[in-house]
Amino acid sequence: MDIISRIGQQLKTIFPEAVVYRKNQKGGFKEPSFFVSKITTTRQPELFSRQKRGYHYQVVYFPDPDNAEPDMEWMEERLLDRFTQLDQFSPIRDVDFSVVDGALTMAFSVMIRAYPEDLTPKQQTMNYHGGITDGK
């Protein structure tokens, strides 16, 4: 499951012309653009080996440098209105915006219920002795 790719796809659906990065760029980021990164992961155990997992991400928006303040305000409103769900996967939760070093940062969570992989050995063979009768 590649949630960062899902986030990038959702941003491209909302903003088809946008450039979306998932790795730092040596020469810097083209502006305007988005940078998506993972912050942390949390896990809460539930009944029957289920887990509630929280994947916490941030999307950094690098605005047009010639119009930074209005561009960040406009983008914040668009993200609040349209970036509410990762299609066919999970809603976006716990959204928090801040401006850091001239870029708009959106922190949020994606929550899912998970069943950890069952690695216990399964029955490999079955020895059967018997037959079928017609009841007579």
N, C-alpha and C. Protein backbone atom coordinates (compact mmCIF):
# COMPACT_ATOMS: atom_id res chain seq x y z
N MET A 1 0.85 -1.17 0.00
CA MET A 1 0.00 0.00 0.00
C MET A 1 0.90 1.23 0.00
N ASP A 2 0.78 2.03 -1.02
CA ASP A 2 1.59 3.23 -1.14
C ASP A 2 0.68 4.45 -1.00
N ILE A 3 0.54 4.91 0.23
CA ILE A 3 -0.38 6.00 0.51
C ILE A 3 0.13 7.31 -0.08
N ILE A 4 1.43 7.52 -0.10
CA ILE A 4 1.97 8.76 -0.68
C ILE A 4 1.58 8.87 -2.15
N SER A 5 1.61 7.75 -2.88
CA SER A 5 1.17 7.78 -4.28
C SER A 5 -0.31 8.12 -4.39
N ARG A 6 -1.11 7.58 -3.48
CA ARG A 6 -2.55 7.90 -3.47
C ARG A 6 -2.77 9.40 -3.21
N ILE A 7 -1.98 9.96 -2.28
CA ILE A 7 -2.10 11.39 -1.98
C ILE A 7 -1.73 12.20 -3.22
N GLY A 8 -0.63 11.82 -3.87
CA GLY A 8 -0.22 12.52 -5.09
C GLY A 8 -1.26 12.42 -6.19
N GLN A 9 -1.87 11.24 -6.36
CA GLN A 9 -2.92 11.07 -7.38
C GLN A 9 -4.13 11.94 -7.07
N GLN A 10 -4.48 12.03 -5.78
CA GLN A 10 -5.64 12.85 -5.41
C GLN A 10 -5.35 14.33 -5.66
N LEU A 11 -4.13 14.77 -5.36
CA LEU A 11 -3.76 16.16 -5.64
C LEU A 11 -3.80 16.43 -7.15
N LYS A 12 -3.34 15.47 -7.95
CA LYS A 12 -3.36 15.63 -9.41
C LYS A 12 -4.79 15.64 -9.94
N THR A 13 -5.70 14.92 -9.29
CA THR A 13 -7.10 14.93 -9.70
C THR A 13 -7.71 16.31 -9.44
N ILE A 14 -7.37 16.89 -8.30
CA ILE A 14 -7.91 18.20 -7.93
C ILE A 14 -7.23 19.32 -8.71
N PHE A 15 -5.91 19.21 -8.86
CA PHE A 15 -5.10 20.23 -9.54
C PHE A 15 -4.32 19.57 -10.67
N PRO A 16 -4.94 19.35 -11.82
CA PRO A 16 -4.30 18.58 -12.90
C PRO A 16 -2.97 19.15 -13.39
N GLU A 17 -2.78 20.45 -13.28
CA GLU A 17 -1.55 21.09 -13.77
C GLU A 17 -0.42 21.07 -12.73
N ALA A 18 -0.71 20.60 -11.52
CA ALA A 18 0.24 20.69 -10.41
C ALA A 18 1.42 19.74 -10.58
N VAL A 19 2.56 20.18 -10.06
CA VAL A 19 3.74 19.34 -9.95
C VAL A 19 3.75 18.81 -8.52
N VAL A 20 3.86 17.48 -8.36
CA VAL A 20 3.83 16.86 -7.04
C VAL A 20 5.13 16.07 -6.86
N TYR A 21 5.88 16.41 -5.81
CA TYR A 21 7.13 15.72 -5.49
C TYR A 21 6.94 14.83 -4.28
N ARG A 22 7.69 13.73 -4.23
CA ARG A 22 7.71 12.91 -3.04
C ARG A 22 9.13 12.78 -2.48
N LYS A 23 10.11 13.37 -3.16
CA LYS A 23 11.49 13.37 -2.70
C LYS A 23 12.02 14.80 -2.76
N ASN A 24 12.96 15.10 -1.85
CA ASN A 24 13.61 16.42 -1.90
C ASN A 24 14.33 16.57 -3.23
N GLN A 25 14.38 17.79 -3.73
CA GLN A 25 15.03 18.09 -4.99
C GLN A 25 16.32 18.85 -4.72
N LYS A 26 17.43 18.38 -5.29
CA LYS A 26 18.73 19.02 -5.06
C LYS A 26 18.73 20.48 -5.49
N GLY A 27 18.11 20.77 -6.61
CA GLY A 27 18.11 22.14 -7.11
C GLY A 27 16.96 22.97 -6.58
N GLY A 28 16.17 22.42 -5.67
CA GLY A 28 15.02 23.14 -5.14
C GLY A 28 13.75 22.73 -5.87
N PHE A 29 12.64 23.17 -5.37
CA PHE A 29 11.34 22.82 -5.92
C PHE A 29 10.88 23.87 -6.91
N LYS A 30 10.31 23.41 -8.02
CA LYS A 30 9.67 24.32 -8.97
C LYS A 30 8.45 24.92 -8.27
N GLU A 31 8.19 26.18 -8.49
CA GLU A 31 7.06 26.84 -7.83
C GLU A 31 6.06 27.29 -8.87
N PRO A 32 4.79 27.13 -8.67
CA PRO A 32 4.14 26.45 -7.54
C PRO A 32 4.22 24.94 -7.68
N SER A 33 4.24 24.24 -6.53
CA SER A 33 4.29 22.77 -6.52
C SER A 33 3.95 22.26 -5.13
N PHE A 34 3.77 20.93 -5.05
CA PHE A 34 3.49 20.25 -3.79
C PHE A 34 4.63 19.28 -3.48
N PHE A 35 4.87 19.09 -2.19
CA PHE A 35 5.81 18.08 -1.71
C PHE A 35 5.08 17.27 -0.65
N VAL A 36 5.04 15.94 -0.82
CA VAL A 36 4.32 15.05 0.10
C VAL A 36 5.33 14.22 0.87
N SER A 37 5.18 14.16 2.20
CA SER A 37 6.07 13.33 3.01
C SER A 37 5.31 12.73 4.20
N LYS A 38 5.83 11.62 4.69
CA LYS A 38 5.23 10.95 5.84
C LYS A 38 5.84 11.52 7.12
N ILE A 39 5.00 11.67 8.15
CA ILE A 39 5.48 12.18 9.43
C ILE A 39 5.66 11.01 10.40
N THR A 40 4.56 10.35 10.77
CA THR A 40 4.61 9.23 11.71
C THR A 40 3.51 8.23 11.39
N THR A 41 3.59 7.10 12.08
CA THR A 41 2.54 6.07 12.02
C THR A 41 2.20 5.68 13.45
N THR A 42 0.90 5.51 13.73
CA THR A 42 0.47 5.07 15.05
C THR A 42 -0.36 3.80 14.91
N ARG A 43 -0.45 3.04 16.00
CA ARG A 43 -1.23 1.80 16.00
C ARG A 43 -1.92 1.65 17.34
N GLN A 44 -3.21 1.31 17.29
CA GLN A 44 -3.97 1.03 18.50
C GLN A 44 -4.57 -0.37 18.36
N PRO A 45 -4.27 -1.28 19.28
CA PRO A 45 -4.85 -2.62 19.18
C PRO A 45 -6.35 -2.60 19.47
N GLU A 46 -7.07 -3.49 18.79
CA GLU A 46 -8.50 -3.65 18.99
C GLU A 46 -8.80 -5.14 19.18
N LEU A 47 -10.06 -5.48 19.31
CA LEU A 47 -10.46 -6.87 19.51
C LEU A 47 -10.12 -7.74 18.30
N PHE A 48 -9.92 -9.03 18.55
CA PHE A 48 -9.71 -10.04 17.51
C PHE A 48 -8.53 -9.72 16.61
N SER A 49 -7.45 -9.24 17.19
CA SER A 49 -6.19 -8.93 16.48
C SER A 49 -6.30 -7.79 15.49
N ARG A 50 -7.40 -7.09 15.47
CA ARG A 50 -7.50 -5.93 14.58
C ARG A 50 -6.68 -4.79 15.14
N GLN A 51 -6.33 -3.87 14.26
CA GLN A 51 -5.58 -2.69 14.66
C GLN A 51 -6.19 -1.46 13.99
N LYS A 52 -6.17 -0.37 14.70
CA LYS A 52 -6.52 0.92 14.11
C LYS A 52 -5.19 1.61 13.86
N ARG A 53 -4.89 1.86 12.61
CA ARG A 53 -3.61 2.46 12.24
C ARG A 53 -3.83 3.89 11.75
N GLY A 54 -2.97 4.77 12.21
CA GLY A 54 -3.00 6.16 11.77
C GLY A 54 -1.72 6.49 11.04
N TYR A 55 -1.85 6.90 9.80
CA TYR A 55 -0.71 7.31 8.99
C TYR A 55 -0.78 8.83 8.88
N HIS A 56 0.26 9.49 9.34
CA HIS A 56 0.26 10.95 9.43
C HIS A 56 1.23 11.52 8.39
N TYR A 57 0.71 12.45 7.58
CA TYR A 57 1.45 13.01 6.46
C TYR A 57 1.43 14.52 6.50
N GLN A 58 2.29 15.09 5.66
CA GLN A 58 2.22 16.51 5.43
C GLN A 58 2.36 16.77 3.93
N VAL A 59 1.60 17.74 3.49
CA VAL A 59 1.71 18.25 2.13
C VAL A 59 2.18 19.68 2.25
N VAL A 60 3.29 19.98 1.61
CA VAL A 60 3.83 21.34 1.61
C VAL A 60 3.55 21.94 0.24
N TYR A 61 2.93 23.10 0.24
CA TYR A 61 2.66 23.81 -1.01
C TYR A 61 3.62 24.98 -1.13
N PHE A 62 4.40 24.99 -2.21
CA PHE A 62 5.32 26.08 -2.49
C PHE A 62 4.61 27.03 -3.45
N PRO A 63 4.22 28.22 -2.98
CA PRO A 63 3.40 29.13 -3.79
C PRO A 63 4.21 29.84 -4.88
N ASP A 64 3.47 30.48 -5.75
CA ASP A 64 4.06 31.36 -6.75
C ASP A 64 4.79 32.47 -6.00
N PRO A 65 6.11 32.63 -6.17
CA PRO A 65 6.85 33.62 -5.37
C PRO A 65 6.43 35.07 -5.63
N ASP A 66 5.84 35.34 -6.79
CA ASP A 66 5.41 36.71 -7.09
C ASP A 66 4.09 37.08 -6.44
N ASN A 67 3.37 36.08 -5.90
CA ASN A 67 2.04 36.31 -5.35
C ASN A 67 1.81 35.35 -4.17
N ALA A 68 2.78 35.21 -3.31
CA ALA A 68 2.81 34.14 -2.30
C ALA A 68 1.63 34.16 -1.33
N GLU A 69 1.38 35.28 -0.69
CA GLU A 69 0.33 35.32 0.35
C GLU A 69 -1.06 34.99 -0.21
N PRO A 70 -1.52 35.69 -1.26
CA PRO A 70 -2.84 35.34 -1.79
C PRO A 70 -2.89 33.91 -2.35
N ASP A 71 -1.78 33.47 -2.93
CA ASP A 71 -1.73 32.11 -3.49
C ASP A 71 -1.90 31.07 -2.38
N MET A 72 -1.23 31.27 -1.24
CA MET A 72 -1.36 30.31 -0.13
C MET A 72 -2.77 30.34 0.45
N GLU A 73 -3.37 31.52 0.57
CA GLU A 73 -4.75 31.61 1.07
C GLU A 73 -5.72 30.89 0.13
N TRP A 74 -5.56 31.10 -1.15
CA TRP A 74 -6.41 30.44 -2.14
C TRP A 74 -6.24 28.92 -2.07
N MET A 75 -4.99 28.46 -1.99
CA MET A 75 -4.72 27.02 -1.95
C MET A 75 -5.28 26.39 -0.67
N GLU A 76 -5.14 27.05 0.46
CA GLU A 76 -5.69 26.52 1.71
C GLU A 76 -7.19 26.30 1.59
N GLU A 77 -7.90 27.26 1.02
CA GLU A 77 -9.35 27.11 0.85
C GLU A 77 -9.69 25.97 -0.10
N ARG A 78 -8.93 25.84 -1.20
CA ARG A 78 -9.19 24.74 -2.16
C ARG A 78 -8.93 23.38 -1.51
N LEU A 79 -7.86 23.28 -0.73
CA LEU A 79 -7.57 22.01 -0.06
C LEU A 79 -8.63 21.68 0.98
N LEU A 80 -9.09 22.68 1.73
CA LEU A 80 -10.15 22.45 2.72
C LEU A 80 -11.44 21.97 2.04
N ASP A 81 -11.75 22.53 0.89
CA ASP A 81 -12.98 22.17 0.18
C ASP A 81 -12.88 20.84 -0.55
N ARG A 82 -11.73 20.55 -1.16
CA ARG A 82 -11.64 19.43 -2.11
C ARG A 82 -10.78 18.25 -1.69
N PHE A 83 -9.81 18.47 -0.84
CA PHE A 83 -8.92 17.38 -0.42
C PHE A 83 -9.45 16.79 0.88
N THR A 84 -10.54 16.04 0.77
CA THR A 84 -11.23 15.51 1.94
C THR A 84 -11.21 13.99 1.99
N GLN A 85 -10.81 13.34 0.91
CA GLN A 85 -10.89 11.88 0.80
C GLN A 85 -9.83 11.39 -0.17
N LEU A 86 -9.21 10.25 0.18
CA LEU A 86 -8.40 9.52 -0.80
C LEU A 86 -9.36 8.55 -1.45
N ASP A 87 -9.70 8.77 -2.71
CA ASP A 87 -10.73 8.00 -3.39
C ASP A 87 -10.54 6.49 -3.21
N GLN A 88 -11.63 5.82 -2.91
CA GLN A 88 -11.66 4.36 -2.75
C GLN A 88 -10.73 3.87 -1.64
N PHE A 89 -10.41 4.75 -0.67
CA PHE A 89 -9.48 4.32 0.38
C PHE A 89 -9.87 4.81 1.76
N SER A 90 -9.79 6.11 2.02
CA SER A 90 -10.00 6.61 3.37
C SER A 90 -10.25 8.11 3.36
N PRO A 91 -11.01 8.60 4.35
CA PRO A 91 -11.15 10.05 4.48
C PRO A 91 -9.88 10.68 5.04
N ILE A 92 -9.72 11.97 4.77
CA ILE A 92 -8.62 12.76 5.33
C ILE A 92 -9.10 13.32 6.66
N ARG A 93 -8.32 13.12 7.73
CA ARG A 93 -8.73 13.54 9.07
C ARG A 93 -7.67 14.44 9.71
N ASP A 94 -8.07 15.11 10.77
CA ASP A 94 -7.16 15.89 11.61
C ASP A 94 -6.32 16.89 10.81
N VAL A 95 -6.97 17.65 9.96
CA VAL A 95 -6.27 18.59 9.08
C VAL A 95 -5.83 19.82 9.87
N ASP A 96 -4.58 20.23 9.64
CA ASP A 96 -4.02 21.39 10.32
C ASP A 96 -3.10 22.13 9.34
N PHE A 97 -3.34 23.42 9.16
CA PHE A 97 -2.53 24.24 8.25
C PHE A 97 -1.62 25.16 9.03
N SER A 98 -0.45 25.41 8.47
CA SER A 98 0.46 26.42 9.02
C SER A 98 1.33 26.94 7.87
N VAL A 99 1.90 28.11 8.07
CA VAL A 99 2.85 28.67 7.10
C VAL A 99 4.23 28.59 7.74
N VAL A 100 5.14 27.89 7.05
CA VAL A 100 6.50 27.70 7.55
C VAL A 100 7.47 28.09 6.44
N ASP A 101 8.35 29.04 6.71
CA ASP A 101 9.37 29.48 5.75
C ASP A 101 8.79 29.82 4.39
N GLY A 102 7.67 30.50 4.37
CA GLY A 102 7.08 30.95 3.12
C GLY A 102 6.36 29.88 2.32
N ALA A 103 6.07 28.73 2.95
CA ALA A 103 5.33 27.66 2.28
C ALA A 103 4.15 27.26 3.15
N LEU A 104 3.07 26.85 2.51
CA LEU A 104 1.87 26.40 3.21
C LEU A 104 2.02 24.91 3.54
N THR A 105 1.92 24.56 4.81
CA THR A 105 2.05 23.16 5.24
C THR A 105 0.72 22.66 5.75
N MET A 106 0.28 21.55 5.20
CA MET A 106 -0.96 20.90 5.62
C MET A 106 -0.59 19.55 6.24
N ALA A 107 -0.84 19.39 7.53
CA ALA A 107 -0.62 18.11 8.20
C ALA A 107 -1.98 17.43 8.35
N PHE A 108 -2.02 16.11 8.18
CA PHE A 108 -3.29 15.38 8.26
C PHE A 108 -3.02 13.91 8.53
N SER A 109 -4.12 13.18 8.80
CA SER A 109 -4.05 11.75 9.10
C SER A 109 -4.93 10.96 8.16
N VAL A 110 -4.52 9.75 7.91
CA VAL A 110 -5.31 8.75 7.19
C VAL A 110 -5.45 7.58 8.15
N MET A 111 -6.69 7.25 8.53
CA MET A 111 -6.93 6.18 9.50
C MET A 111 -7.54 4.97 8.79
N ILE A 112 -7.01 3.77 9.12
CA ILE A 112 -7.57 2.54 8.56
C ILE A 112 -7.66 1.49 9.66
N ARG A 113 -8.47 0.47 9.43
CA ARG A 113 -8.50 -0.73 10.28
C ARG A 113 -7.71 -1.80 9.54
N ALA A 114 -6.85 -2.47 10.26
CA ALA A 114 -5.98 -3.46 9.62
C ALA A 114 -6.01 -4.77 10.38
N TYR A 115 -5.78 -5.82 9.64
CA TYR A 115 -5.61 -7.15 10.21
C TYR A 115 -4.17 -7.56 9.93
N PRO A 116 -3.34 -7.71 10.96
CA PRO A 116 -1.95 -8.10 10.72
C PRO A 116 -1.88 -9.44 9.99
N GLU A 117 -0.85 -9.61 9.21
CA GLU A 117 -0.66 -10.84 8.44
C GLU A 117 -0.55 -12.03 9.40
N ASP A 118 -1.30 -13.08 9.12
CA ASP A 118 -1.30 -14.30 9.93
C ASP A 118 -0.21 -15.24 9.41
N LEU A 119 0.86 -15.40 10.19
CA LEU A 119 1.99 -16.23 9.78
C LEU A 119 2.00 -17.60 10.43
N THR A 120 0.91 -17.97 11.13
CA THR A 120 0.88 -19.29 11.75
C THR A 120 0.80 -20.37 10.67
N PRO A 121 1.46 -21.52 10.92
CA PRO A 121 1.44 -22.59 9.91
C PRO A 121 0.02 -23.10 9.67
N LYS A 122 -0.28 -23.33 8.42
CA LYS A 122 -1.59 -23.85 8.04
C LYS A 122 -1.48 -25.35 7.82
N GLN A 123 -2.60 -26.05 7.81
CA GLN A 123 -2.60 -27.49 7.58
C GLN A 123 -2.01 -27.76 6.20
N GLN A 124 -0.98 -28.59 6.15
CA GLN A 124 -0.30 -28.88 4.90
C GLN A 124 -0.90 -30.11 4.19
N THR A 125 -1.23 -31.16 4.97
CA THR A 125 -1.80 -32.38 4.38
C THR A 125 -2.89 -32.89 5.30
N MET A 126 -3.69 -33.81 4.77
CA MET A 126 -4.74 -34.41 5.56
C MET A 126 -4.78 -35.90 5.26
N ASN A 127 -4.64 -36.73 6.28
CA ASN A 127 -4.74 -38.18 6.11
C ASN A 127 -6.18 -38.58 6.35
N TYR A 128 -6.77 -39.28 5.39
CA TYR A 128 -8.17 -39.66 5.47
C TYR A 128 -8.27 -41.18 5.33
N HIS A 129 -8.95 -41.80 6.25
CA HIS A 129 -9.22 -43.24 6.21
C HIS A 129 -10.72 -43.43 6.33
N GLY A 130 -11.32 -44.01 5.35
CA GLY A 130 -12.77 -44.21 5.40
C GLY A 130 -13.33 -44.30 4.01
N GLY A 131 -14.60 -44.22 3.94
CA GLY A 131 -15.27 -44.30 2.65
C GLY A 131 -16.65 -43.73 2.74
N ILE A 132 -17.40 -43.88 1.68
CA ILE A 132 -18.77 -43.39 1.60
C ILE A 132 -19.69 -44.60 1.50
N THR A 133 -20.73 -44.59 2.30
CA THR A 133 -21.72 -45.68 2.23
C THR A 133 -23.06 -45.11 1.78
N ASP A 134 -23.89 -46.03 1.33
CA ASP A 134 -25.22 -45.59 0.90
C ASP A 134 -26.26 -45.72 2.00
N GLY A 135 -25.82 -45.97 3.21
CA GLY A 135 -26.70 -46.07 4.37
C GLY A 135 -27.30 -47.44 4.60
N LYS A 136 -26.94 -48.49 3.83
CA LYS A 136 -27.49 -49.85 4.01
C LYS A 136 -26.61 -50.73 4.83
